[in-house]
Amino acid sequence: MFKRVLLLACCFSASLTAQEIKVPTPAAGYTVHVSAPHVVDGKVMGPFHHYCKVMSPEPVIACLIYDSPDPDAMLIQVEYIIAKKLTRPAVSLENWNKYWHDHQQEISTGRVQVHDLPPDKAKEVADLVATTDGIIFSFDFEGKLPTGHVTHAQSVGHKSLSAAEYANSKKTVVAASAK
């Protein structure tokens, strides 16, 4: 009896197509498409195409970044977008100025574009992301081969904060998150 059930299960599963089998993967859900230029190795490059997924409501967002929206584009960067209420109390000023950027400042430049959504929904995405900081990991390539070296790209127009500005921003986000 067991062999017959096993054989039936094998035959049934073999007859299903890949489209009929909907198995969730960690890659599912990277559907918010945003483009923006970045500073890579001191040069403005892009626009880079971000495909983002909300990981938790604070928000914590992860973005897979490509140099084009083509289906065969290579993954070249990853960005973590984290609520300021989480980053500002935990990240040192030196680390923040070197690696992180303020999305409110970046969005205000007009260089960030939200794609594939109606204008009101695109504004909602931009408004949410404006409450966050971002850190970008950029993979170095020689031709089509990754070198194994990772650098940090930066938003165009990133402004380092003074100690007083950073301390004030910490107070502001902590007070806002207490409400």
C-alpha atoms as a PDB file:
ATOM      1  CA  MET A   1       0.000   0.000   0.000  1.00  0.00           C
ATOM      2  CA  PHE A   2       2.779   2.460   0.946  1.00  0.00           C
ATOM      3  CA  LYS A   3       4.572   1.848  -2.385  1.00  0.00           C
ATOM      4  CA  ARG A   4       1.360   2.508  -4.309  1.00  0.00           C
ATOM      5  CA  VAL A   5       0.771   5.839  -2.460  1.00  0.00           C
ATOM      6  CA  LEU A   6       4.392   6.870  -3.011  1.00  0.00           C
ATOM      7  CA  LEU A   7       4.180   6.014  -6.725  1.00  0.00           C
ATOM      8  CA  LEU A   8       0.932   7.957  -7.037  1.00  0.00           C
ATOM      9  CA  ALA A   9       2.477  10.986  -5.281  1.00  0.00           C
ATOM     10  CA  CYS A  10       5.515  10.871  -7.590  1.00  0.00           C
ATOM     11  CA  CYS A  11       3.383  10.672 -10.726  1.00  0.00           C
ATOM     12  CA  PHE A  12       1.068  13.454  -9.559  1.00  0.00           C
ATOM     13  CA  SER A  13       3.876  15.857  -8.636  1.00  0.00           C
ATOM     14  CA  ALA A  14       5.713  15.142 -11.900  1.00  0.00           C
ATOM     15  CA  SER A  15       2.648  16.156 -13.897  1.00  0.00           C
ATOM     16  CA  LEU A  16       2.498  19.661 -12.345  1.00  0.00           C
ATOM     17  CA  THR A  17       4.208  22.519 -14.134  1.00  0.00           C
ATOM     18  CA  ALA A  18       6.478  24.983 -12.353  1.00  0.00           C
ATOM     19  CA  GLN A  19       3.768  27.669 -12.644  1.00  0.00           C
ATOM     20  CA  GLU A  20       1.226  25.464 -10.894  1.00  0.00           C
ATOM     21  CA  ILE A  21       3.494  24.930  -7.902  1.00  0.00           C
ATOM     22  CA  LYS A  22       3.527  28.129  -5.838  1.00  0.00           C
ATOM     23  CA  VAL A  23       6.267  27.633  -3.277  1.00  0.00           C
ATOM     24  CA  PRO A  24       7.127  30.839  -1.412  1.00  0.00           C
ATOM     25  CA  THR A  25      10.805  31.713  -1.344  1.00  0.00           C
ATOM     26  CA  PRO A  26      12.761  34.474   0.402  1.00  0.00           C
ATOM     27  CA  ALA A  27      13.031  36.156  -3.013  1.00  0.00           C
ATOM     28  CA  ALA A  28       9.250  36.563  -3.262  1.00  0.00           C
ATOM     29  CA  GLY A  29       7.904  40.016  -2.529  1.00  0.00           C
ATOM     30  CA  TYR A  30      10.698  42.260  -3.825  1.00  0.00           C
ATOM     31  CA  THR A  31       8.105  44.160  -5.819  1.00  0.00           C
ATOM     32  CA  VAL A  32       8.446  47.859  -4.989  1.00  0.00           C
ATOM     33  CA  HIS A  33      10.469  49.296  -7.904  1.00  0.00           C
ATOM     34  CA  VAL A  34      12.431  52.491  -7.219  1.00  0.00           C
ATOM     35  CA  SER A  35      15.264  54.053  -9.178  1.00  0.00           C
ATOM     36  CA  ALA A  36      17.901  56.521  -8.027  1.00  0.00           C
ATOM     37  CA  PRO A  37      21.508  57.365  -8.842  1.00  0.00           C
ATOM     38  CA  HIS A  38      24.263  56.510  -6.355  1.00  0.00           C
ATOM     39  CA  VAL A  39      27.796  57.675  -5.757  1.00  0.00           C
ATOM     40  CA  VAL A  40      30.046  54.650  -6.365  1.00  0.00           C
ATOM     41  CA  ASP A  41      33.805  55.016  -5.846  1.00  0.00           C
ATOM     42  CA  GLY A  42      33.412  58.798  -5.911  1.00  0.00           C
ATOM     43  CA  LYS A  43      31.444  58.888  -9.203  1.00  0.00           C
ATOM     44  CA  VAL A  44      27.737  59.524  -9.735  1.00  0.00           C
ATOM     45  CA  MET A  45      26.365  56.452 -11.482  1.00  0.00           C
ATOM     46  CA  GLY A  46      22.983  55.029 -12.363  1.00  0.00           C
ATOM     47  CA  PRO A  47      20.110  55.265 -12.088  1.00  0.00           C
ATOM     48  CA  PHE A  48      20.100  52.001 -10.182  1.00  0.00           C
ATOM     49  CA  HIS A  49      16.919  49.930 -10.053  1.00  0.00           C
ATOM     50  CA  HIS A  50      15.901  48.895  -6.547  1.00  0.00           C
ATOM     51  CA  TYR A  51      13.409  46.073  -6.017  1.00  0.00           C
ATOM     52  CA  CYS A  52      12.373  46.322  -2.393  1.00  0.00           C
ATOM     53  CA  LYS A  53      10.497  44.286   0.187  1.00  0.00           C
ATOM     54  CA  VAL A  54       9.203  45.430   3.573  1.00  0.00           C
ATOM     55  CA  MET A  55      10.651  43.037   6.141  1.00  0.00           C
ATOM     56  CA  SER A  56       9.016  44.540   9.257  1.00  0.00           C
ATOM     57  CA  PRO A  57       6.746  47.481  10.072  1.00  0.00           C
ATOM     58  CA  GLU A  58       9.183  49.892  11.785  1.00  0.00           C
ATOM     59  CA  PRO A  59       9.997  49.922   8.752  1.00  0.00           C
ATOM     60  CA  VAL A  60      12.881  47.652   7.889  1.00  0.00           C
ATOM     61  CA  ILE A  61      13.143  47.259   4.117  1.00  0.00           C
ATOM     62  CA  ALA A  62      15.618  45.279   2.005  1.00  0.00           C
ATOM     63  CA  CYS A  63      16.333  46.183  -1.629  1.00  0.00           C
ATOM     64  CA  LEU A  64      18.006  44.147  -4.340  1.00  0.00           C
ATOM     65  CA  ILE A  65      19.656  46.611  -6.720  1.00  0.00           C
ATOM     66  CA  TYR A  66      20.395  46.168 -10.420  1.00  0.00           C
ATOM     67  CA  ASP A  67      21.927  48.414 -13.086  1.00  0.00           C
ATOM     68  CA  SER A  68      18.826  48.051 -15.266  1.00  0.00           C
ATOM     69  CA  PRO A  69      15.266  46.706 -15.053  1.00  0.00           C
ATOM     70  CA  ASP A  70      16.031  44.017 -17.659  1.00  0.00           C
ATOM     71  CA  PRO A  71      15.111  40.462 -16.572  1.00  0.00           C
ATOM     72  CA  ASP A  72      18.736  39.326 -17.038  1.00  0.00           C
ATOM     73  CA  ALA A  73      20.315  42.237 -15.110  1.00  0.00           C
ATOM     74  CA  MET A  74      22.986  41.301 -12.579  1.00  0.00           C
ATOM     75  CA  LEU A  75      22.499  41.972  -8.862  1.00  0.00           C
ATOM     76  CA  ILE A  76      25.140  44.623  -8.122  1.00  0.00           C
ATOM     77  CA  GLN A  77      24.111  46.178  -4.799  1.00  0.00           C
ATOM     78  CA  VAL A  78      21.984  45.562  -1.726  1.00  0.00           C
ATOM     79  CA  GLU A  79      20.464  48.338   0.372  1.00  0.00           C
ATOM     80  CA  TYR A  80      19.039  48.100   3.856  1.00  0.00           C
ATOM     81  CA  ILE A  81      16.496  50.802   4.608  1.00  0.00           C
ATOM     82  CA  ILE A  82      15.962  51.108   8.347  1.00  0.00           C
ATOM     83  CA  ALA A  83      13.731  53.373  10.447  1.00  0.00           C
ATOM     84  CA  LYS A  84      15.656  56.320  11.900  1.00  0.00           C
ATOM     85  CA  LYS A  85      14.197  55.422  15.310  1.00  0.00           C
ATOM     86  CA  LEU A  86      16.318  52.238  15.075  1.00  0.00           C
ATOM     87  CA  THR A  87      19.476  53.587  13.408  1.00  0.00           C
ATOM     88  CA  ARG A  88      20.031  56.925  15.096  1.00  0.00           C
ATOM     89  CA  PRO A  89      20.262  55.591  18.686  1.00  0.00           C
ATOM     90  CA  ALA A  90      22.407  52.609  17.619  1.00  0.00           C
ATOM     91  CA  VAL A  91      24.810  53.909  14.940  1.00  0.00           C
ATOM     92  CA  SER A  92      27.769  56.113  15.839  1.00  0.00           C
ATOM     93  CA  LEU A  93      28.085  59.521  14.169  1.00  0.00           C
ATOM     94  CA  GLU A  94      31.342  58.458  12.469  1.00  0.00           C
ATOM     95  CA  ASN A  95      29.753  55.272  11.114  1.00  0.00           C
ATOM     96  CA  TRP A  96      26.575  57.079  10.036  1.00  0.00           C
ATOM     97  CA  ASN A  97      28.466  59.827   8.172  1.00  0.00           C
ATOM     98  CA  LYS A  98      30.663  57.271   6.392  1.00  0.00           C
ATOM     99  CA  TYR A  99      28.150  54.558   5.437  1.00  0.00           C
ATOM    100  CA  TRP A 100      24.561  55.724   5.974  1.00  0.00           C
ATOM    101  CA  HIS A 101      22.343  58.339   4.334  1.00  0.00           C
ATOM    102  CA  ASP A 102      19.097  60.080   5.206  1.00  0.00           C
ATOM    103  CA  HIS A 103      16.287  59.171   2.819  1.00  0.00           C
ATOM    104  CA  GLN A 104      14.339  62.335   3.590  1.00  0.00           C
ATOM    105  CA  GLN A 105      17.297  64.343   2.268  1.00  0.00           C
ATOM    106  CA  GLU A 106      17.734  62.022  -0.739  1.00  0.00           C
ATOM    107  CA  ILE A 107      14.054  62.067  -1.704  1.00  0.00           C
ATOM    108  CA  SER A 108      13.934  65.877  -1.412  1.00  0.00           C
ATOM    109  CA  THR A 109      16.488  66.132  -4.256  1.00  0.00           C
ATOM    110  CA  GLY A 110      13.917  64.781  -6.729  1.00  0.00           C
ATOM    111  CA  ARG A 111      16.328  62.080  -7.948  1.00  0.00           C
ATOM    112  CA  VAL A 112      14.331  59.157  -6.504  1.00  0.00           C
ATOM    113  CA  GLN A 113      11.561  57.734  -8.696  1.00  0.00           C
ATOM    114  CA  VAL A 114       8.938  55.215  -7.576  1.00  0.00           C
ATOM    115  CA  HIS A 115       7.774  53.106 -10.528  1.00  0.00           C
ATOM    116  CA  ASP A 116       4.726  50.975 -11.350  1.00  0.00           C
ATOM    117  CA  LEU A 117       2.392  52.615  -8.825  1.00  0.00           C
ATOM    118  CA  PRO A 118      -0.270  55.308  -9.160  1.00  0.00           C
ATOM    119  CA  PRO A 119       0.964  58.754  -7.990  1.00  0.00           C
ATOM    120  CA  ASP A 120      -0.851  58.611  -4.628  1.00  0.00           C
ATOM    121  CA  LYS A 121       0.642  55.184  -3.787  1.00  0.00           C
ATOM    122  CA  ALA A 122       4.104  56.276  -4.990  1.00  0.00           C
ATOM    123  CA  LYS A 123       3.848  59.260  -2.619  1.00  0.00           C
ATOM    124  CA  GLU A 124       2.924  56.904   0.252  1.00  0.00           C
ATOM    125  CA  VAL A 125       6.059  54.848  -0.468  1.00  0.00           C
ATOM    126  CA  ALA A 126       8.238  57.977  -0.616  1.00  0.00           C
ATOM    127  CA  ASP A 127       6.714  59.343   2.608  1.00  0.00           C
ATOM    128  CA  LEU A 128       7.391  56.072   4.440  1.00  0.00           C
ATOM    129  CA  VAL A 129      10.955  55.808   3.140  1.00  0.00           C
ATOM    130  CA  ALA A 130      11.594  59.443   4.170  1.00  0.00           C
ATOM    131  CA  THR A 131      11.428  58.216   7.795  1.00  0.00           C
ATOM    132  CA  THR A 132      14.452  55.967   7.231  1.00  0.00           C
ATOM    133  CA  ASP A 133      18.200  55.835   6.796  1.00  0.00           C
ATOM    134  CA  GLY A 134      19.887  53.629   4.193  1.00  0.00           C
ATOM    135  CA  ILE A 135      23.146  51.731   3.857  1.00  0.00           C
ATOM    136  CA  ILE A 136      24.236  50.381   0.458  1.00  0.00           C
ATOM    137  CA  PHE A 137      26.613  47.481  -0.112  1.00  0.00           C
ATOM    138  CA  SER A 138      28.075  47.592  -3.628  1.00  0.00           C
ATOM    139  CA  PHE A 139      29.706  44.523  -5.184  1.00  0.00           C
ATOM    140  CA  ASP A 140      32.808  45.239  -7.271  1.00  0.00           C
ATOM    141  CA  PHE A 141      33.110  43.525 -10.648  1.00  0.00           C
ATOM    142  CA  GLU A 142      35.868  43.074 -13.215  1.00  0.00           C
ATOM    143  CA  GLY A 143      33.890  42.657 -16.393  1.00  0.00           C
ATOM    144  CA  LYS A 144      31.175  40.147 -15.574  1.00  0.00           C
ATOM    145  CA  LEU A 145      33.020  38.582 -12.634  1.00  0.00           C
ATOM    146  CA  PRO A 146      32.533  39.700  -9.036  1.00  0.00           C
ATOM    147  CA  THR A 147      35.907  40.372  -7.408  1.00  0.00           C
ATOM    148  CA  GLY A 148      34.844  39.556  -3.862  1.00  0.00           C
ATOM    149  CA  HIS A 149      35.446  43.179  -2.848  1.00  0.00           C
ATOM    150  CA  VAL A 150      32.516  45.102  -1.398  1.00  0.00           C
ATOM    151  CA  THR A 151      32.355  48.882  -1.045  1.00  0.00           C
ATOM    152  CA  HIS A 152      29.690  51.248   0.197  1.00  0.00           C
ATOM    153  CA  ALA A 153      27.844  53.332  -2.343  1.00  0.00           C
ATOM    154  CA  GLN A 154      26.258  56.553  -1.143  1.00  0.00           C
ATOM    155  CA  SER A 155      23.237  58.652  -2.066  1.00  0.00           C
ATOM    156  CA  VAL A 156      23.900  61.589  -4.370  1.00  0.00           C
ATOM    157  CA  GLY A 157      24.009  64.739  -2.271  1.00  0.00           C
ATOM    158  CA  HIS A 158      24.632  62.902   1.022  1.00  0.00           C
ATOM    159  CA  LYS A 159      25.375  65.394   3.773  1.00  0.00           C
ATOM    160  CA  SER A 160      27.442  64.428   6.768  1.00  0.00           C
ATOM    161  CA  LEU A 161      25.933  65.579  10.047  1.00  0.00           C
ATOM    162  CA  SER A 162      27.715  67.465  12.793  1.00  0.00           C
ATOM    163  CA  ALA A 163      27.714  66.021  16.301  1.00  0.00           C
ATOM    164  CA  ALA A 164      25.032  68.538  17.317  1.00  0.00           C
ATOM    165  CA  GLU A 165      22.834  67.749  14.278  1.00  0.00           C
ATOM    166  CA  TYR A 166      23.136  64.011  14.896  1.00  0.00           C
ATOM    167  CA  ALA A 167      22.371  64.354  18.619  1.00  0.00           C
ATOM    168  CA  ASN A 168      19.328  66.491  17.760  1.00  0.00           C
ATOM    169  CA  SER A 169      18.130  63.933  15.200  1.00  0.00           C
ATOM    170  CA  LYS A 170      18.376  61.188  17.826  1.00  0.00           C
ATOM    171  CA  LYS A 171      16.214  63.215  20.211  1.00  0.00           C
ATOM    172  CA  THR A 172      13.693  63.973  17.457  1.00  0.00           C
ATOM    173  CA  VAL A 173      13.229  60.334  16.353  1.00  0.00           C
ATOM    174  CA  VAL A 174      13.096  59.037  19.921  1.00  0.00           C
ATOM    175  CA  ALA A 175      10.425  61.635  20.820  1.00  0.00           C
ATOM    176  CA  ALA A 176       8.440  60.858  17.648  1.00  0.00           C
ATOM    177  CA  SER A 177       8.542  57.111  18.270  1.00  0.00           C
ATOM    178  CA  ALA A 178       7.327  57.604  21.864  1.00  0.00           C
ATOM    179  CA  LYS A 179       4.053  59.103  20.572  1.00  0.00           C
END
